[in-house]
N, C-alpha and C. Protein backbone atom coordinates (compact mmCIF):
# COMPACT_ATOMS: atom_id res chain seq x y z
N MET A 1 -13.52 -8.39 -9.22
CA MET A 1 -12.65 -9.64 -8.95
C MET A 1 -11.70 -9.38 -7.62
N THR A 2 -11.22 -10.25 -7.22
CA THR A 2 -10.43 -10.48 -6.05
C THR A 2 -9.54 -10.72 -6.17
N VAL A 3 -8.59 -10.01 -5.41
CA VAL A 3 -7.13 -11.03 -6.16
C VAL A 3 -6.58 -11.56 -4.41
N GLN A 4 -5.78 -12.41 -4.65
CA GLN A 4 -5.62 -12.80 -3.20
C GLN A 4 -3.79 -12.98 -3.25
N PHE A 5 -3.31 -11.74 -2.78
CA PHE A 5 -2.01 -11.39 -2.62
C PHE A 5 -1.23 -10.73 -1.61
N GLY A 6 -0.68 -11.39 -0.57
CA GLY A 6 -0.62 -10.57 0.16
C GLY A 6 -1.26 -10.20 1.07
N ILE A 7 -0.94 -9.17 2.20
CA ILE A 7 -2.03 -8.90 3.12
C ILE A 7 -2.30 -7.44 3.01
N PRO A 8 -3.63 -6.81 2.89
CA PRO A 8 -3.89 -5.72 2.75
C PRO A 8 -3.19 -4.60 4.00
N LEU A 9 -3.03 -3.86 3.64
CA LEU A 9 -2.03 -2.40 4.30
C LEU A 9 -2.89 -2.00 5.66
N SER A 10 -4.22 -2.16 5.32
CA SER A 10 -4.74 -1.86 6.75
C SER A 10 -4.82 -3.07 7.81
N GLU A 11 -4.53 -4.25 7.47
CA GLU A 11 -4.42 -5.03 8.05
C GLU A 11 -2.87 -5.63 8.44
N PHE A 12 -1.97 -4.96 7.95
CA PHE A 12 -0.50 -5.16 8.25
C PHE A 12 -0.33 -4.08 9.13
N ALA A 13 -1.37 -2.82 9.34
CA ALA A 13 -0.95 -1.73 9.85
C ALA A 13 -1.38 -1.85 11.38
N LYS A 14 -2.80 -2.89 11.44
CA LYS A 14 -2.99 -3.30 12.57
C LYS A 14 -1.84 -3.41 14.04
N GLY A 15 -2.25 -2.28 14.93
CA GLY A 15 -1.20 -2.70 16.22
C GLY A 15 0.41 -2.01 15.78
N ARG A 16 0.10 -1.16 14.73
CA ARG A 16 1.56 -0.45 14.50
C ARG A 16 1.34 0.91 14.11
N SER A 17 1.94 1.70 14.74
CA SER A 17 1.69 3.28 14.28
C SER A 17 2.31 3.40 12.91
N GLN A 18 1.58 4.66 12.23
CA GLN A 18 1.57 4.80 10.70
C GLN A 18 3.30 4.98 10.53
N VAL A 19 3.70 5.76 11.71
CA VAL A 19 5.55 6.05 11.41
C VAL A 19 6.19 4.43 11.41
N GLU A 20 6.04 3.35 11.86
CA GLU A 20 6.27 2.22 12.12
C GLU A 20 6.21 1.43 10.92
N VAL A 21 5.02 1.77 10.19
CA VAL A 21 4.95 1.29 9.01
C VAL A 21 5.54 1.70 7.90
N ALA A 22 5.27 2.80 7.87
CA ALA A 22 6.51 4.07 6.89
C ALA A 22 7.72 3.54 6.94
N GLU A 23 8.32 3.19 8.25
CA GLU A 23 9.79 2.78 8.39
C GLU A 23 10.30 1.62 7.78
N ILE A 24 9.04 0.48 8.05
CA ILE A 24 9.16 -0.91 7.41
C ILE A 24 9.09 -0.85 6.02
N LEU A 25 8.30 0.04 5.44
CA LEU A 25 8.00 -0.29 4.08
C LEU A 25 8.87 0.74 3.06
N GLY A 26 9.48 1.87 3.82
CA GLY A 26 10.68 2.64 3.16
C GLY A 26 9.77 3.95 2.72
N VAL A 27 8.69 4.29 3.13
CA VAL A 27 8.03 5.47 2.73
C VAL A 27 7.48 6.57 3.83
N THR A 28 7.30 7.28 3.48
CA THR A 28 7.00 8.05 4.79
C THR A 28 5.55 8.12 5.50
N GLN A 29 5.40 8.56 6.56
CA GLN A 29 4.27 8.47 7.42
C GLN A 29 3.11 9.05 6.61
N GLY A 30 3.14 10.13 5.96
CA GLY A 30 2.16 10.79 5.14
C GLY A 30 1.58 9.88 3.96
N ALA A 31 2.39 9.11 3.16
CA ALA A 31 2.20 8.37 2.19
C ALA A 31 1.25 7.10 2.76
N ILE A 32 1.71 6.66 4.40
CA ILE A 32 1.00 5.41 4.37
C ILE A 32 -0.65 6.10 4.77
N SER A 33 -0.48 7.39 5.56
CA SER A 33 -1.90 8.21 5.76
C SER A 33 -2.69 8.00 4.28
N GLN A 34 -2.13 8.47 3.48
CA GLN A 34 -2.88 8.74 1.98
C GLN A 34 -3.49 7.12 1.49
N MET A 35 -2.53 6.32 1.77
CA MET A 35 -2.84 4.83 1.12
C MET A 35 -3.98 4.52 1.54
N ILE A 36 -4.07 4.55 3.15
CA ILE A 36 -5.17 3.80 3.64
C ILE A 36 -6.40 4.88 3.74
N LEU A 37 -6.36 6.23 3.85
CA LEU A 37 -7.23 6.87 3.51
C LEU A 37 -8.11 6.87 2.11
N SER A 38 -7.25 6.61 1.33
CA SER A 38 -7.79 6.74 -0.16
C SER A 38 -8.59 5.77 -0.58
N GLY A 39 -8.39 4.44 0.27
CA GLY A 39 -8.86 3.07 -0.21
C GLY A 39 -8.17 2.28 -1.17
N ARG A 40 -7.07 2.89 -1.49
CA ARG A 40 -6.30 2.12 -2.78
C ARG A 40 -5.86 0.79 -2.02
N ASP A 41 -6.08 -0.33 -3.00
CA ASP A 41 -5.85 -1.91 -2.66
C ASP A 41 -3.97 -1.97 -2.90
N VAL A 42 -3.66 -1.70 -1.17
CA VAL A 42 -2.24 -1.76 -1.58
C VAL A 42 -2.08 -2.97 -0.44
N ARG A 43 -0.90 -4.03 -0.87
CA ARG A 43 -0.76 -5.13 -0.31
C ARG A 43 0.81 -5.10 0.10
N VAL A 44 0.92 -5.93 1.23
CA VAL A 44 2.06 -6.54 1.64
C VAL A 44 2.52 -7.76 1.65
N VAL A 45 3.58 -7.93 0.75
CA VAL A 45 4.30 -9.16 1.03
C VAL A 45 5.65 -9.15 1.32
N HIS A 46 5.84 -10.30 1.86
CA HIS A 46 7.11 -10.92 2.38
C HIS A 46 8.31 -11.09 0.99
N GLY A 47 9.25 -10.62 0.70
CA GLY A 47 9.93 -10.83 -0.22
C GLY A 47 10.99 -11.85 0.05
N SER A 48 11.86 -12.40 -1.01
CA SER A 48 12.79 -13.52 -0.70
C SER A 48 13.65 -13.65 0.59
N ASP A 49 13.77 -12.14 0.62
CA ASP A 49 15.09 -11.87 2.39
C ASP A 49 14.07 -11.71 3.32
N GLY A 50 12.71 -12.03 3.35
CA GLY A 50 12.09 -12.13 4.28
C GLY A 50 11.46 -10.47 4.49
N ARG A 51 11.95 -9.65 3.97
CA ARG A 51 11.65 -8.09 4.13
C ARG A 51 10.11 -7.83 3.76
N PRO A 52 9.40 -7.13 4.65
CA PRO A 52 7.91 -6.42 3.78
C PRO A 52 8.36 -5.55 2.58
N GLU A 53 7.62 -5.95 1.34
CA GLU A 53 7.61 -4.95 0.49
C GLU A 53 5.91 -4.66 0.27
N GLY A 54 5.42 -3.33 -0.43
CA GLY A 54 4.34 -2.91 -0.45
C GLY A 54 4.25 -3.04 -2.11
N PHE A 55 2.70 -3.57 -2.38
CA PHE A 55 2.51 -3.07 -3.79
C PHE A 55 0.99 -2.79 -3.93
N GLU A 56 1.00 -2.31 -5.02
CA GLU A 56 -0.60 -1.62 -4.95
C GLU A 56 -1.28 -2.61 -6.35
N ILE A 57 -2.44 -2.76 -6.11
CA ILE A 57 -2.85 -3.86 -7.20
C ILE A 57 -4.09 -2.68 -7.47
N ARG A 58 -4.14 -2.66 -9.18
CA ARG A 58 -4.87 -2.22 -9.72
C ARG A 58 -5.03 -2.40 -11.45
N ARG A 59 -6.09 -2.22 -12.02
CA ARG A 59 -6.22 -2.38 -13.18
C ARG A 59 -5.49 -1.76 -14.19
N ILE A 60 -5.30 -2.16 -15.24
CA ILE A 60 -4.30 -1.14 -16.14
C ILE A 60 -5.19 -0.28 -17.08
N GLY A 61 -4.92 0.94 -17.15
CA GLY A 61 -5.52 2.08 -17.74
C GLY A 61 -6.69 2.66 -16.25
N SER A 62 -6.36 2.31 -15.14
CA SER A 62 -7.04 2.62 -14.33
C SER A 62 -6.83 4.18 -13.35
N ARG A 63 -5.84 4.73 -14.24
CA ARG A 63 -5.44 5.77 -13.36
C ARG A 63 -6.14 7.12 -13.93
N ARG A 64 -6.30 7.71 -13.55
CA ARG A 64 -7.18 9.12 -13.97
C ARG A 64 -6.25 9.95 -14.76
N LYS A 65 -7.10 10.13 -15.88
CA LYS A 65 -6.11 11.34 -16.61
C LYS A 65 -6.48 12.80 -16.13
N LYS A 66 -5.27 13.41 -16.16
CA LYS A 66 -5.32 14.67 -15.81
C LYS A 66 -6.32 15.75 -16.90
N THR A 67 -7.04 16.67 -16.50
CA THR A 67 -7.69 17.41 -17.11
C THR A 67 -6.82 18.73 -17.41
N ALA A 68 -7.19 19.09 -18.93
CA ALA A 68 -6.08 19.97 -19.15
C ALA A 68 -6.45 21.26 -18.61
N ALA A 69 -5.29 22.42 -18.16
CA ALA A 69 -5.60 23.73 -17.63
C ALA A 69 -6.06 25.05 -18.32
């Protein structure tokens, strides 16, 4: 299923450094790197105030369960 919501993070990041994208979205450069490398479905949407916000699209219950140590 394809969700039409916002701009994919990788597209939003084109022409910008990861540091710039991180500052715009209010996260660290490392977080941006992990989001892009992991292939997570992160989208950027412009809020009502015009500022970009990041959202992750995923199915409910799709989070991996931690294994017992």
